[in-house]
């Protein structure tokens, strides 16, 4: 059985300039997958929510550093592999996903949530699947191949996430929950929805890149 006390990390290495953008973006995408995985594990083990939050915060800090490195490389590189705006947008969206996941984990602890509502579990499943699809499309940028299926998957998952969010809000207003719990869960669910929405932004950016360089 794997040791749950492992540190959630994304490795950093010296990166040659000619392939630096792809390496940095791929590592950022890997960080999104890792954070979504930690959040999914938190859902199944709420008693250790603070521990999972710590690992997610660590991944979010690493994501900030990767984003900083991408922006610095943009400022110091004359010829870039794809459009500068697209690289900037992609790095920013990956960072936004991590920020939203970190916010969810933080709120779960700060609000002292005891157990997740069913729709939150469903959202966590959607986010986990979307994160994996994001990783596939970002890793596909080097060759500009095998990306279309993944960005279509992300768009489908974003629609699924919208449906789950609306059902969750309807359930919260059903009268089965206390008013304070309704407010807490709406805040948490909205951040989850934002994380999934940013995954679609990534899919849209990658599709734009693929069309430009096809």
N, C-alpha and C. Protein backbone atom coordinates (compact mmCIF):
# COMPACT_ATOMS: atom_id res chain seq x y z
N UNK A 1 0.85 -1.20 0.00
CA UNK A 1 0.00 0.00 0.00
C UNK A 1 0.88 1.24 0.00
N UNK A 2 0.61 2.23 -0.93
CA UNK A 2 1.49 3.41 -1.01
C UNK A 2 1.41 4.25 0.24
N UNK A 3 2.52 4.88 0.57
CA UNK A 3 2.60 5.74 1.75
C UNK A 3 1.90 7.05 1.45
N UNK A 4 0.80 7.32 2.15
CA UNK A 4 0.02 8.53 1.90
C UNK A 4 0.73 9.79 2.38
N UNK A 5 1.83 9.59 3.09
CA UNK A 5 2.56 10.76 3.60
C UNK A 5 3.56 11.30 2.58
N UNK A 6 3.52 10.72 1.38
CA UNK A 6 4.47 11.16 0.36
C UNK A 6 4.32 12.65 0.10
N UNK A 7 5.34 13.28 -0.32
CA UNK A 7 5.28 14.69 -0.67
C UNK A 7 4.80 14.81 -2.11
N UNK A 8 3.85 15.71 -2.32
CA UNK A 8 3.35 15.94 -3.67
C UNK A 8 4.27 16.95 -4.34
N UNK A 9 5.01 16.50 -5.34
CA UNK A 9 5.98 17.38 -5.97
C UNK A 9 5.97 17.24 -7.47
N UNK A 10 6.41 18.27 -8.14
CA UNK A 10 6.70 18.24 -9.57
C UNK A 10 8.15 18.65 -9.70
N UNK A 11 8.96 17.82 -10.31
CA UNK A 11 10.40 18.05 -10.32
C UNK A 11 10.78 19.25 -11.17
N UNK A 12 11.84 19.93 -10.75
CA UNK A 12 12.42 21.04 -11.50
C UNK A 12 13.83 20.65 -11.95
N UNK A 13 14.16 20.99 -13.19
CA UNK A 13 15.49 20.71 -13.71
C UNK A 13 15.93 21.90 -14.56
N UNK A 14 17.22 21.95 -14.84
CA UNK A 14 17.71 22.94 -15.78
C UNK A 14 17.13 22.63 -17.16
N UNK A 15 16.60 23.65 -17.84
CA UNK A 15 15.85 23.43 -19.07
C UNK A 15 16.52 24.16 -20.23
N UNK A 16 16.97 23.44 -21.26
CA UNK A 16 17.51 24.10 -22.44
C UNK A 16 16.46 25.02 -23.06
N UNK A 17 16.88 26.20 -23.51
CA UNK A 17 15.94 27.20 -24.01
C UNK A 17 15.10 26.69 -25.17
N UNK A 18 15.68 25.90 -26.09
CA UNK A 18 14.95 25.51 -27.28
C UNK A 18 13.75 24.62 -27.00
N UNK A 19 13.74 23.93 -25.88
CA UNK A 19 12.59 23.09 -25.54
C UNK A 19 11.98 23.49 -24.20
N UNK A 20 12.42 24.63 -23.68
CA UNK A 20 12.00 25.04 -22.35
C UNK A 20 10.51 25.26 -22.20
N UNK A 21 9.88 25.86 -23.20
CA UNK A 21 8.45 26.15 -23.08
C UNK A 21 7.64 24.87 -22.92
N UNK A 22 7.91 23.89 -23.78
CA UNK A 22 7.15 22.64 -23.70
C UNK A 22 7.39 21.94 -22.37
N UNK A 23 8.64 21.91 -21.92
CA UNK A 23 8.94 21.25 -20.65
C UNK A 23 8.20 21.91 -19.49
N UNK A 24 8.23 23.23 -19.46
CA UNK A 24 7.57 23.95 -18.37
C UNK A 24 6.06 23.75 -18.39
N UNK A 25 5.47 23.84 -19.57
CA UNK A 25 4.02 23.67 -19.67
C UNK A 25 3.61 22.25 -19.32
N UNK A 26 4.41 21.27 -19.75
CA UNK A 26 4.10 19.88 -19.41
C UNK A 26 4.17 19.65 -17.90
N UNK A 27 5.16 20.25 -17.26
CA UNK A 27 5.27 20.10 -15.81
C UNK A 27 4.11 20.79 -15.09
N UNK A 28 3.69 21.92 -15.62
CA UNK A 28 2.53 22.60 -15.04
C UNK A 28 1.28 21.73 -15.19
N UNK A 29 1.12 21.10 -16.35
CA UNK A 29 -0.03 20.21 -16.56
C UNK A 29 0.03 19.01 -15.64
N UNK A 30 1.24 18.47 -15.45
CA UNK A 30 1.40 17.35 -14.51
C UNK A 30 1.01 17.78 -13.09
N UNK A 31 1.32 19.02 -12.74
CA UNK A 31 0.94 19.53 -11.43
C UNK A 31 -0.57 19.63 -11.26
N UNK A 32 -1.27 19.98 -12.34
CA UNK A 32 -2.73 20.02 -12.31
C UNK A 32 -3.29 18.63 -12.05
N UNK A 33 -2.75 17.63 -12.74
CA UNK A 33 -3.19 16.25 -12.53
C UNK A 33 -2.96 15.83 -11.08
N UNK A 34 -1.77 16.15 -10.57
CA UNK A 34 -1.44 15.76 -9.19
C UNK A 34 -2.37 16.44 -8.18
N UNK A 35 -2.67 17.72 -8.40
CA UNK A 35 -3.55 18.44 -7.47
C UNK A 35 -4.97 17.89 -7.52
N UNK A 36 -5.46 17.59 -8.73
CA UNK A 36 -6.80 17.01 -8.85
C UNK A 36 -6.86 15.64 -8.19
N UNK A 37 -5.77 14.90 -8.30
CA UNK A 37 -5.71 13.58 -7.65
C UNK A 37 -5.73 13.71 -6.14
N UNK A 38 -4.99 14.67 -5.61
CA UNK A 38 -4.98 14.89 -4.16
C UNK A 38 -6.36 15.34 -3.67
N UNK A 39 -7.03 16.18 -4.44
CA UNK A 39 -8.36 16.62 -4.05
C UNK A 39 -9.35 15.46 -4.08
N UNK A 40 -9.22 14.60 -5.08
CA UNK A 40 -10.10 13.42 -5.14
C UNK A 40 -9.85 12.52 -3.94
N UNK A 41 -8.60 12.37 -3.54
CA UNK A 41 -8.28 11.57 -2.36
C UNK A 41 -8.84 12.21 -1.10
N UNK A 42 -8.81 13.54 -1.04
CA UNK A 42 -9.37 14.25 0.11
C UNK A 42 -10.86 13.95 0.25
N UNK A 43 -11.56 13.90 -0.87
CA UNK A 43 -12.99 13.62 -0.86
C UNK A 43 -13.28 12.27 -0.21
N UNK A 44 -12.39 11.31 -0.43
CA UNK A 44 -12.59 9.97 0.12
C UNK A 44 -12.04 9.82 1.53
N UNK A 45 -11.33 10.83 2.02
CA UNK A 45 -10.68 10.71 3.33
C UNK A 45 -10.73 12.07 4.03
N UNK A 46 -11.94 12.54 4.32
CA UNK A 46 -12.13 13.87 4.87
C UNK A 46 -11.44 14.07 6.22
N UNK A 47 -11.22 13.00 6.94
CA UNK A 47 -10.59 13.13 8.25
C UNK A 47 -9.15 13.64 8.14
N UNK A 48 -8.57 13.51 6.96
CA UNK A 48 -7.19 13.97 6.74
C UNK A 48 -7.16 15.15 5.78
N UNK A 49 -8.23 15.93 5.79
CA UNK A 49 -8.35 17.03 4.84
C UNK A 49 -7.20 18.02 4.95
N UNK A 50 -6.76 18.31 6.16
CA UNK A 50 -5.68 19.28 6.34
C UNK A 50 -4.38 18.79 5.71
N UNK A 51 -4.14 17.49 5.80
CA UNK A 51 -2.93 16.90 5.20
C UNK A 51 -2.96 17.03 3.68
N UNK A 52 -4.12 16.71 3.10
CA UNK A 52 -4.23 16.83 1.64
C UNK A 52 -4.16 18.29 1.21
N UNK A 53 -4.75 19.18 2.00
CA UNK A 53 -4.66 20.60 1.67
C UNK A 53 -3.20 21.05 1.61
N UNK A 54 -2.39 20.59 2.53
CA UNK A 54 -0.98 20.95 2.53
C UNK A 54 -0.28 20.52 1.26
N UNK A 55 -0.58 19.32 0.79
CA UNK A 55 0.07 18.84 -0.44
C UNK A 55 -0.42 19.63 -1.65
N UNK A 56 -1.70 19.96 -1.66
CA UNK A 56 -2.23 20.75 -2.77
C UNK A 56 -1.63 22.16 -2.76
N UNK A 57 -1.47 22.74 -1.60
CA UNK A 57 -0.83 24.07 -1.51
C UNK A 57 0.60 24.02 -2.01
N UNK A 58 1.30 22.93 -1.72
CA UNK A 58 2.66 22.78 -2.21
C UNK A 58 2.69 22.74 -3.74
N UNK A 59 1.76 22.00 -4.32
CA UNK A 59 1.67 21.92 -5.77
C UNK A 59 1.30 23.27 -6.37
N UNK A 60 0.43 24.01 -5.70
CA UNK A 60 0.05 25.33 -6.19
C UNK A 60 1.24 26.28 -6.17
N UNK A 61 2.07 26.21 -5.13
CA UNK A 61 3.27 27.04 -5.07
C UNK A 61 4.23 26.69 -6.21
N UNK A 62 4.38 25.40 -6.47
CA UNK A 62 5.23 24.97 -7.58
C UNK A 62 4.67 25.45 -8.91
N UNK A 63 3.34 25.43 -9.04
CA UNK A 63 2.71 25.94 -10.25
C UNK A 63 2.99 27.41 -10.46
N UNK A 64 2.96 28.19 -9.38
CA UNK A 64 3.30 29.61 -9.48
C UNK A 64 4.72 29.80 -10.00
N UNK A 65 5.64 28.98 -9.50
CA UNK A 65 7.04 29.08 -9.94
C UNK A 65 7.18 28.71 -11.41
N UNK A 66 6.47 27.68 -11.84
CA UNK A 66 6.52 27.29 -13.25
C UNK A 66 5.95 28.40 -14.14
N UNK A 67 4.86 29.01 -13.71
CA UNK A 67 4.28 30.11 -14.47
C UNK A 67 5.26 31.27 -14.57
N UNK A 68 5.92 31.58 -13.47
CA UNK A 68 6.93 32.64 -13.47
C UNK A 68 8.05 32.31 -14.46
N UNK A 69 8.48 31.06 -14.50
CA UNK A 69 9.55 30.66 -15.42
C UNK A 69 9.10 30.79 -16.87
N UNK A 70 7.84 30.43 -17.15
CA UNK A 70 7.34 30.58 -18.52
C UNK A 70 7.35 32.05 -18.93
N UNK A 71 6.86 32.92 -18.06
CA UNK A 71 6.81 34.35 -18.39
C UNK A 71 8.22 34.93 -18.55
N UNK A 72 9.14 34.50 -17.71
CA UNK A 72 10.52 34.97 -17.83
C UNK A 72 11.14 34.51 -19.14
N UNK A 73 10.84 33.28 -19.53
CA UNK A 73 11.38 32.75 -20.78
C UNK A 73 10.79 33.48 -21.98
N UNK A 74 9.52 33.84 -21.89
CA UNK A 74 8.90 34.63 -22.96
C UNK A 74 9.60 35.97 -23.13
N UNK A 75 9.98 36.58 -22.01
CA UNK A 75 10.62 37.89 -22.05
C UNK A 75 12.04 37.85 -22.60
N UNK A 76 12.67 36.68 -22.54
CA UNK A 76 14.08 36.60 -22.92
C UNK A 76 14.32 35.74 -24.16
N UNK A 77 13.25 35.30 -24.82
CA UNK A 77 13.39 34.45 -26.01
C UNK A 77 12.85 35.19 -27.22
N UNK A 78 13.68 35.31 -28.25
CA UNK A 78 13.27 36.05 -29.45
C UNK A 78 12.35 35.21 -30.32
N UNK A 79 12.72 33.95 -30.56
CA UNK A 79 11.92 33.05 -31.39
C UNK A 79 11.28 32.00 -30.49
N UNK A 80 9.96 31.94 -30.49
CA UNK A 80 9.23 31.00 -29.64
C UNK A 80 8.58 29.93 -30.52
N UNK A 81 8.32 28.73 -29.96
CA UNK A 81 7.80 27.62 -30.78
C UNK A 81 6.39 27.83 -31.29
N UNK A 82 5.56 28.56 -30.54
CA UNK A 82 4.20 28.89 -30.97
C UNK A 82 3.93 30.34 -30.57
N UNK A 83 2.76 30.84 -30.92
CA UNK A 83 2.41 32.23 -30.67
C UNK A 83 2.61 32.61 -29.19
N UNK A 84 3.22 33.77 -28.97
CA UNK A 84 3.50 34.21 -27.60
C UNK A 84 2.22 34.32 -26.76
N UNK A 85 1.19 34.89 -27.36
CA UNK A 85 -0.07 35.06 -26.63
C UNK A 85 -0.62 33.71 -26.20
N UNK A 86 -0.52 32.71 -27.07
CA UNK A 86 -1.04 31.38 -26.74
C UNK A 86 -0.25 30.75 -25.59
N UNK A 87 1.06 30.92 -25.60
CA UNK A 87 1.88 30.40 -24.50
C UNK A 87 1.50 31.08 -23.19
N UNK A 88 1.36 32.40 -23.25
CA UNK A 88 0.97 33.16 -22.05
C UNK A 88 -0.40 32.70 -21.55
N UNK A 89 -1.34 32.55 -22.47
CA UNK A 89 -2.69 32.14 -22.09
C UNK A 89 -2.70 30.73 -21.50
N UNK A 90 -1.94 29.85 -22.10
CA UNK A 90 -1.89 28.46 -21.63
C UNK A 90 -1.29 28.39 -20.22
N UNK A 91 -0.18 29.08 -20.02
CA UNK A 91 0.45 29.07 -18.70
C UNK A 91 -0.47 29.68 -17.64
N UNK A 92 -1.15 30.76 -18.00
CA UNK A 92 -2.05 31.42 -17.05
C UNK A 92 -3.23 30.53 -16.70
N UNK A 93 -3.79 29.85 -17.69
CA UNK A 93 -4.94 28.98 -17.44
C UNK A 93 -4.56 27.78 -16.58
N UNK A 94 -3.39 27.20 -16.84
CA UNK A 94 -2.92 26.10 -15.99
C UNK A 94 -2.76 26.56 -14.55
N UNK A 95 -2.22 27.75 -14.37
CA UNK A 95 -2.06 28.30 -13.03
C UNK A 95 -3.42 28.57 -12.38
N UNK A 96 -4.38 29.03 -13.18
CA UNK A 96 -5.72 29.30 -12.66
C UNK A 96 -6.40 28.02 -12.16
N UNK A 97 -6.19 26.91 -12.87
CA UNK A 97 -6.77 25.64 -12.42
C UNK A 97 -6.22 25.27 -11.05
N UNK A 98 -4.90 25.38 -10.91
CA UNK A 98 -4.28 25.06 -9.63
C UNK A 98 -4.76 25.99 -8.52
N UNK A 99 -4.91 27.27 -8.84
CA UNK A 99 -5.40 28.23 -7.84
C UNK A 99 -6.79 27.84 -7.36
N UNK A 100 -7.66 27.45 -8.29
CA UNK A 100 -9.03 27.09 -7.93
C UNK A 100 -9.06 25.81 -7.10
N UNK A 101 -8.24 24.83 -7.46
CA UNK A 101 -8.18 23.58 -6.69
C UNK A 101 -7.69 23.87 -5.28
N UNK A 102 -6.66 24.71 -5.17
CA UNK A 102 -6.14 25.07 -3.85
C UNK A 102 -7.20 25.79 -3.02
N UNK A 103 -7.99 26.65 -3.66
CA UNK A 103 -9.05 27.36 -2.95
C UNK A 103 -10.10 26.39 -2.42
N UNK A 104 -10.45 25.39 -3.22
CA UNK A 104 -11.42 24.38 -2.79
C UNK A 104 -10.92 23.65 -1.55
N UNK A 105 -9.68 23.16 -1.62
CA UNK A 105 -9.11 22.42 -0.49
C UNK A 105 -9.05 23.30 0.76
N UNK A 106 -8.68 24.56 0.57
CA UNK A 106 -8.59 25.47 1.71
C UNK A 106 -9.95 25.71 2.34
N UNK A 107 -10.97 25.92 1.51
CA UNK A 107 -12.32 26.17 2.02
C UNK A 107 -12.88 24.96 2.75
N UNK A 108 -12.59 23.77 2.24
CA UNK A 108 -13.07 22.56 2.90
C UNK A 108 -12.56 22.47 4.34
N UNK A 109 -11.33 22.91 4.53
CA UNK A 109 -10.75 22.89 5.88
C UNK A 109 -11.26 24.07 6.71
N UNK A 110 -11.24 25.27 6.13
CA UNK A 110 -11.65 26.46 6.88
C UNK A 110 -13.11 26.40 7.30
N UNK A 111 -13.96 25.84 6.43
CA UNK A 111 -15.39 25.75 6.73
C UNK A 111 -15.73 24.54 7.60
N UNK A 112 -14.71 23.74 7.91
CA UNK A 112 -14.89 22.57 8.77
C UNK A 112 -15.98 21.64 8.23
N UNK A 113 -15.86 21.35 6.95
CA UNK A 113 -16.81 20.45 6.30
C UNK A 113 -16.59 19.04 6.83
N UNK A 114 -17.66 18.40 7.26
CA UNK A 114 -17.53 17.04 7.81
C UNK A 114 -17.57 15.97 6.75
N UNK A 115 -18.56 16.06 5.86
CA UNK A 115 -18.72 15.08 4.79
C UNK A 115 -19.14 15.81 3.52
N UNK A 116 -18.69 15.33 2.37
CA UNK A 116 -19.07 15.99 1.11
C UNK A 116 -20.50 15.66 0.71
N UNK A 117 -21.16 16.60 0.05
CA UNK A 117 -22.45 16.28 -0.55
C UNK A 117 -22.19 15.44 -1.79
N UNK A 118 -23.16 14.62 -2.23
CA UNK A 118 -22.93 13.71 -3.36
C UNK A 118 -22.45 14.42 -4.62
N UNK A 119 -23.01 15.60 -4.90
CA UNK A 119 -22.64 16.31 -6.13
C UNK A 119 -21.19 16.79 -6.10
N UNK A 120 -20.66 17.03 -4.92
CA UNK A 120 -19.25 17.43 -4.83
C UNK A 120 -18.34 16.27 -5.23
N UNK A 121 -18.70 15.07 -4.82
CA UNK A 121 -17.94 13.89 -5.26
C UNK A 121 -17.96 13.78 -6.78
N UNK A 122 -19.13 14.04 -7.36
CA UNK A 122 -19.25 13.97 -8.82
C UNK A 122 -18.39 15.04 -9.49
N UNK A 123 -18.40 16.25 -8.92
CA UNK A 123 -17.55 17.31 -9.46
C UNK A 123 -16.07 16.92 -9.39
N UNK A 124 -15.67 16.30 -8.29
CA UNK A 124 -14.27 15.89 -8.14
C UNK A 124 -13.90 14.86 -9.19
N UNK A 125 -14.83 13.97 -9.53
CA UNK A 125 -14.57 12.99 -10.59
C UNK A 125 -14.41 13.67 -11.94
N UNK A 126 -15.29 14.64 -12.22
CA UNK A 126 -15.21 15.37 -13.49
C UNK A 126 -13.89 16.13 -13.58
N UNK A 127 -13.51 16.80 -12.50
CA UNK A 127 -12.26 17.57 -12.49
C UNK A 127 -11.06 16.66 -12.69
N UNK A 128 -11.06 15.51 -12.05
CA UNK A 128 -9.94 14.57 -12.20
C UNK A 128 -9.80 14.12 -13.65
N UNK A 129 -10.93 13.80 -14.29
CA UNK A 129 -10.89 13.37 -15.69
C UNK A 129 -10.45 14.52 -16.60
N UNK A 130 -10.94 15.74 -16.32
CA UNK A 130 -10.55 16.90 -17.12
C UNK A 130 -9.07 17.20 -16.98
N UNK A 131 -8.53 17.06 -15.78
CA UNK A 131 -7.10 17.31 -15.55
C UNK A 131 -6.25 16.35 -16.36
N UNK A 132 -6.66 15.09 -16.40
CA UNK A 132 -5.91 14.10 -17.19
C UNK A 132 -5.96 14.43 -18.67
N UNK A 133 -7.12 14.88 -19.15
CA UNK A 133 -7.24 15.27 -20.55
C UNK A 133 -6.40 16.50 -20.85
N UNK A 134 -6.34 17.44 -19.90
CA UNK A 134 -5.48 18.62 -20.05
C UNK A 134 -4.03 18.20 -20.20
N UNK A 135 -3.60 17.27 -19.38
CA UNK A 135 -2.21 16.80 -19.47
C UNK A 135 -1.93 16.19 -20.84
N UNK A 136 -2.89 15.44 -21.36
CA UNK A 136 -2.68 14.81 -22.67
C UNK A 136 -2.55 15.86 -23.77
N UNK A 137 -3.40 16.90 -23.75
CA UNK A 137 -3.31 17.89 -24.82
C UNK A 137 -2.03 18.72 -24.71
N UNK A 138 -1.63 19.04 -23.50
CA UNK A 138 -0.40 19.82 -23.32
C UNK A 138 0.82 19.01 -23.73
N UNK A 139 0.85 17.74 -23.37
CA UNK A 139 1.97 16.89 -23.78
C UNK A 139 1.96 16.66 -25.29
N UNK A 140 0.81 16.84 -25.93
CA UNK A 140 0.74 16.66 -27.38
C UNK A 140 1.23 17.85 -28.17
N UNK A 141 1.52 18.97 -27.50
CA UNK A 141 1.92 20.17 -28.22
C UNK A 141 3.24 20.02 -28.97
N UNK A 142 4.15 19.22 -28.44
CA UNK A 142 5.46 19.07 -29.10
C UNK A 142 5.31 18.58 -30.54
N UNK A 143 4.43 17.61 -30.71
CA UNK A 143 4.28 16.98 -32.02
C UNK A 143 3.05 17.47 -32.78
N UNK A 144 2.18 18.22 -32.09
CA UNK A 144 0.91 18.67 -32.67
C UNK A 144 0.06 17.48 -33.12
N UNK A 145 0.16 16.39 -32.39
CA UNK A 145 -0.61 15.19 -32.75
C UNK A 145 -1.41 14.69 -31.55
N UNK A 146 -2.38 13.87 -31.84
CA UNK A 146 -3.18 13.14 -30.83
C UNK A 146 -3.79 14.08 -29.80
N UNK A 147 -4.17 15.29 -30.21
CA UNK A 147 -4.74 16.24 -29.26
C UNK A 147 -6.24 16.40 -29.41
N UNK A 148 -6.76 16.20 -30.62
CA UNK A 148 -8.16 16.52 -30.87
C UNK A 148 -9.10 15.75 -29.96
N UNK A 149 -8.86 14.45 -29.80
CA UNK A 149 -9.75 13.64 -28.96
C UNK A 149 -9.76 14.18 -27.53
N UNK A 150 -8.61 14.58 -27.05
CA UNK A 150 -8.52 15.05 -25.66
C UNK A 150 -9.22 16.39 -25.47
N UNK A 151 -9.08 17.33 -26.42
CA UNK A 151 -9.75 18.61 -26.21
C UNK A 151 -11.26 18.47 -26.37
N UNK A 152 -11.69 17.52 -27.20
CA UNK A 152 -13.13 17.22 -27.28
C UNK A 152 -13.61 16.64 -25.95
N UNK A 153 -12.79 15.78 -25.34
CA UNK A 153 -13.13 15.22 -24.03
C UNK A 153 -13.27 16.33 -22.98
N UNK A 154 -12.36 17.30 -23.01
CA UNK A 154 -12.42 18.39 -22.03
C UNK A 154 -13.70 19.19 -22.19
N UNK A 155 -14.07 19.49 -23.43
CA UNK A 155 -15.30 20.25 -23.67
C UNK A 155 -16.52 19.48 -23.16
N UNK A 156 -16.54 18.17 -23.41
CA UNK A 156 -17.64 17.33 -22.91
C UNK A 156 -17.66 17.33 -21.38
N UNK A 157 -16.49 17.20 -20.78
CA UNK A 157 -16.41 17.18 -19.32
C UNK A 157 -16.84 18.51 -18.71
N UNK A 158 -16.53 19.61 -19.39
CA UNK A 158 -16.96 20.91 -18.89
C UNK A 158 -18.49 21.00 -18.88
N UNK A 159 -19.12 20.45 -19.92
CA UNK A 159 -20.59 20.42 -19.93
C UNK A 159 -21.12 19.55 -18.80
N UNK A 160 -20.47 18.40 -18.60
CA UNK A 160 -20.87 17.53 -17.48
C UNK A 160 -20.75 18.27 -16.15
N UNK A 161 -19.65 19.03 -16.01
CA UNK A 161 -19.45 19.79 -14.79
C UNK A 161 -20.53 20.83 -14.57
N UNK A 162 -20.97 21.48 -15.66
CA UNK A 162 -22.07 22.45 -15.56
C UNK A 162 -23.34 21.78 -15.05
N UNK A 163 -23.64 20.60 -15.60
CA UNK A 163 -24.85 19.88 -15.18
C UNK A 163 -24.78 19.50 -13.71
N UNK A 164 -23.62 19.01 -13.29
CA UNK A 164 -23.46 18.62 -11.88
C UNK A 164 -23.61 19.84 -10.98
N UNK A 165 -23.03 20.96 -11.39
CA UNK A 165 -23.11 22.18 -10.58
C UNK A 165 -24.56 22.62 -10.41
N UNK A 166 -25.33 22.61 -11.50
CA UNK A 166 -26.73 23.03 -11.41
C UNK A 166 -27.53 22.08 -10.52
N UNK A 167 -27.28 20.79 -10.64
CA UNK A 167 -27.97 19.83 -9.78
C UNK A 167 -27.58 20.04 -8.31
N UNK A 168 -26.33 20.37 -8.09
CA UNK A 168 -25.86 20.60 -6.71
C UNK A 168 -26.56 21.81 -6.10
N UNK A 169 -26.66 22.90 -6.87
CA UNK A 169 -27.33 24.10 -6.36
C UNK A 169 -28.80 23.81 -6.08
N UNK A 170 -29.44 23.07 -6.99
CA UNK A 170 -30.85 22.70 -6.78
C UNK A 170 -31.01 21.89 -5.50
N UNK A 171 -30.08 20.97 -5.26
CA UNK A 171 -30.15 20.15 -4.04
C UNK A 171 -29.97 21.01 -2.79
N UNK A 172 -29.07 21.99 -2.87
CA UNK A 172 -28.83 22.86 -1.72
C UNK A 172 -30.07 23.68 -1.37
N UNK A 173 -30.88 24.02 -2.39
CA UNK A 173 -32.08 24.82 -2.16
C UNK A 173 -33.32 23.96 -1.89
N UNK A 174 -33.11 22.67 -1.74
CA UNK A 174 -34.25 21.76 -1.56
C UNK A 174 -34.87 21.84 -0.17
N UNK A 175 -34.18 22.46 0.77
CA UNK A 175 -34.65 22.53 2.14
C UNK A 175 -34.04 21.48 3.04
N UNK A 176 -33.19 20.63 2.46
CA UNK A 176 -32.56 19.56 3.24
C UNK A 176 -31.30 20.01 3.97
N UNK A 177 -30.85 21.23 3.68
CA UNK A 177 -29.59 21.70 4.27
C UNK A 177 -29.82 22.97 5.07
N UNK A 178 -29.01 23.16 6.10
CA UNK A 178 -29.06 24.38 6.89
C UNK A 178 -28.56 25.56 6.05
N UNK A 179 -29.07 26.75 6.38
CA UNK A 179 -28.73 27.94 5.60
C UNK A 179 -27.22 28.18 5.55
N UNK A 180 -26.53 28.01 6.66
CA UNK A 180 -25.09 28.24 6.68
C UNK A 180 -24.36 27.21 5.82
N UNK A 181 -24.83 25.97 5.82
CA UNK A 181 -24.21 24.94 4.98
C UNK A 181 -24.42 25.23 3.50
N UNK A 182 -25.59 25.79 3.18
CA UNK A 182 -25.86 26.17 1.79
C UNK A 182 -24.83 27.19 1.32
N UNK A 183 -24.57 28.21 2.14
CA UNK A 183 -23.61 29.25 1.78
C UNK A 183 -22.20 28.67 1.61
N UNK A 184 -21.82 27.80 2.53
CA UNK A 184 -20.49 27.20 2.46
C UNK A 184 -20.33 26.38 1.19
N UNK A 185 -21.32 25.52 0.91
CA UNK A 185 -21.19 24.64 -0.24
C UNK A 185 -21.27 25.38 -1.56
N UNK A 186 -22.07 26.45 -1.62
CA UNK A 186 -22.12 27.23 -2.86
C UNK A 186 -20.75 27.82 -3.17
N UNK A 187 -20.06 28.29 -2.15
CA UNK A 187 -18.72 28.85 -2.32
C UNK A 187 -17.75 27.77 -2.82
N UNK A 188 -17.79 26.61 -2.20
CA UNK A 188 -16.89 25.51 -2.58
C UNK A 188 -17.19 25.03 -4.00
N UNK A 189 -18.48 24.81 -4.29
CA UNK A 189 -18.87 24.30 -5.61
C UNK A 189 -18.52 25.28 -6.72
N UNK A 190 -18.63 26.59 -6.43
CA UNK A 190 -18.30 27.60 -7.44
C UNK A 190 -16.83 27.54 -7.79
N UNK A 191 -15.97 27.35 -6.82
CA UNK A 191 -14.54 27.23 -7.11
C UNK A 191 -14.23 25.96 -7.89
N UNK A 192 -14.93 24.88 -7.59
CA UNK A 192 -14.76 23.66 -8.38
C UNK A 192 -15.17 23.89 -9.83
N UNK A 193 -16.30 24.59 -10.00
CA UNK A 193 -16.78 24.90 -11.34
C UNK A 193 -15.75 25.76 -12.09
N UNK A 194 -15.13 26.69 -11.40
CA UNK A 194 -14.11 27.53 -12.04
C UNK A 194 -12.91 26.71 -12.47
N UNK A 195 -12.51 25.75 -11.66
CA UNK A 195 -11.38 24.89 -12.03
C UNK A 195 -11.68 24.13 -13.32
N UNK A 196 -12.90 23.59 -13.42
CA UNK A 196 -13.29 22.85 -14.61
C UNK A 196 -13.40 23.78 -15.82
N UNK A 197 -13.94 24.98 -15.61
CA UNK A 197 -14.05 25.95 -16.70
C UNK A 197 -12.68 26.33 -17.25
N UNK A 198 -11.70 26.48 -16.38
CA UNK A 198 -10.35 26.83 -16.84
C UNK A 198 -9.75 25.70 -17.66
N UNK A 199 -10.15 24.47 -17.38
CA UNK A 199 -9.69 23.34 -18.20
C UNK A 199 -10.19 23.51 -19.63
N UNK A 200 -11.43 23.99 -19.79
CA UNK A 200 -11.93 24.24 -21.14
C UNK A 200 -11.16 25.38 -21.80
N UNK A 201 -10.78 26.40 -21.04
CA UNK A 201 -9.96 27.47 -21.60
C UNK A 201 -8.66 26.90 -22.18
N UNK A 202 -8.08 25.94 -21.48
CA UNK A 202 -6.85 25.30 -21.96
C UNK A 202 -7.13 24.56 -23.26
N UNK A 203 -8.24 23.83 -23.31
CA UNK A 203 -8.60 23.10 -24.53
C UNK A 203 -8.78 24.07 -25.69
N UNK A 204 -9.43 25.20 -25.45
CA UNK A 204 -9.64 26.19 -26.51
C UNK A 204 -8.32 26.76 -27.01
N UNK A 205 -7.40 27.03 -26.10
CA UNK A 205 -6.09 27.58 -26.49
C UNK A 205 -5.30 26.57 -27.30
N UNK A 206 -5.30 25.32 -26.87
CA UNK A 206 -4.56 24.28 -27.59
C UNK A 206 -5.17 24.06 -28.97
N UNK A 207 -6.50 24.10 -29.06
CA UNK A 207 -7.15 23.96 -30.36
C UNK A 207 -6.73 25.10 -31.29
N UNK A 208 -6.67 26.31 -30.74
CA UNK A 208 -6.23 27.46 -31.53
C UNK A 208 -4.80 27.28 -32.04
N UNK A 209 -3.93 26.79 -31.17
CA UNK A 209 -2.54 26.53 -31.57
C UNK A 209 -2.49 25.49 -32.68
N UNK A 210 -3.25 24.42 -32.52
CA UNK A 210 -3.23 23.34 -33.51
C UNK A 210 -3.71 23.83 -34.86
N UNK A 211 -4.73 24.68 -34.88
CA UNK A 211 -5.25 25.20 -36.14
C UNK A 211 -4.26 26.13 -36.82
N UNK A 212 -3.53 26.91 -36.02
CA UNK A 212 -2.54 27.84 -36.58
C UNK A 212 -1.36 27.11 -37.20
N UNK A 213 -0.97 25.99 -36.59
CA UNK A 213 0.26 25.32 -37.01
C UNK A 213 0.02 23.98 -37.68
N UNK A 214 -1.24 23.72 -38.07
CA UNK A 214 -1.55 22.45 -38.73
C UNK A 214 -0.89 22.40 -40.11
